[in-house]
Amino acid sequence: MSKQHVHVRLNQGIAVSEEGELVEQSRCRCGESWTKTYQVEDPETD
């Protein structure tokens, strides 16, 4: 039987970039890391 690792994403923080995007950082206990960005709509553009 072979061992199989399943990544568990642990939240490391959320910030706002200079471009106004929401940036979410997470990592696994094995050392793998991910960064996900979200576009935030400007409410003043309506």
Protein backbone atom coordinates (compact mmCIF):
# COMPACT_ATOMS: atom_id res chain seq x y z
CA MET A 1 0.00 0.00 0.00
CA SER A 2 1.48 3.39 -1.00
CA LYS A 3 1.18 6.49 1.12
CA GLN A 4 -0.75 9.40 -0.34
CA HIS A 5 -0.54 12.95 0.99
CA VAL A 6 -3.63 15.13 1.02
CA HIS A 7 -2.98 18.87 1.28
CA VAL A 8 -4.81 20.65 4.10
CA ARG A 9 -4.96 24.37 3.41
CA LEU A 10 -4.40 26.40 6.58
CA ASN A 11 -5.25 30.10 6.31
CA GLN A 12 -2.19 32.30 6.78
CA GLY A 13 -3.82 35.68 6.27
CA ILE A 14 -5.78 38.04 4.09
CA ALA A 15 -4.57 41.41 2.80
CA VAL A 16 -5.38 44.04 0.20
CA SER A 17 -2.82 44.57 -2.56
CA GLU A 18 -1.72 47.96 -3.92
CA GLU A 19 -3.98 47.26 -6.92
CA GLY A 20 -6.99 46.86 -4.59
CA GLU A 21 -7.25 43.07 -4.92
CA LEU A 22 -8.05 40.86 -1.94
CA VAL A 23 -5.12 38.44 -1.44
CA GLU A 24 -5.60 35.21 0.54
CA GLN A 25 -2.54 33.19 1.56
CA SER A 26 -2.65 29.61 2.81
CA ARG A 27 -0.23 26.74 3.32
CA CYS A 28 -0.11 23.04 4.13
CA ARG A 29 1.86 21.51 6.98
CA CYS A 30 4.12 19.87 4.37
CA GLY A 31 5.35 23.32 3.26
CA GLU A 32 3.28 23.77 0.08
CA SER A 33 1.75 27.24 -0.17
CA TRP A 34 -0.94 28.97 -2.25
CA THR A 35 -1.92 32.55 -2.96
CA LYS A 36 -5.37 33.36 -4.31
CA THR A 37 -6.45 36.81 -5.42
CA TYR A 38 -9.95 38.19 -5.77
CA GLN A 39 -11.04 41.21 -7.75
CA VAL A 40 -13.00 43.61 -5.55
CA GLU A 41 -15.51 45.78 -7.34
CA ASP A 42 -15.40 49.48 -6.56
CA PRO A 43 -18.85 50.52 -5.25
CA GLU A 44 -18.32 54.04 -6.59
CA THR A 45 -18.36 52.88 -10.24
CA ASP A 46 -22.15 52.41 -10.32
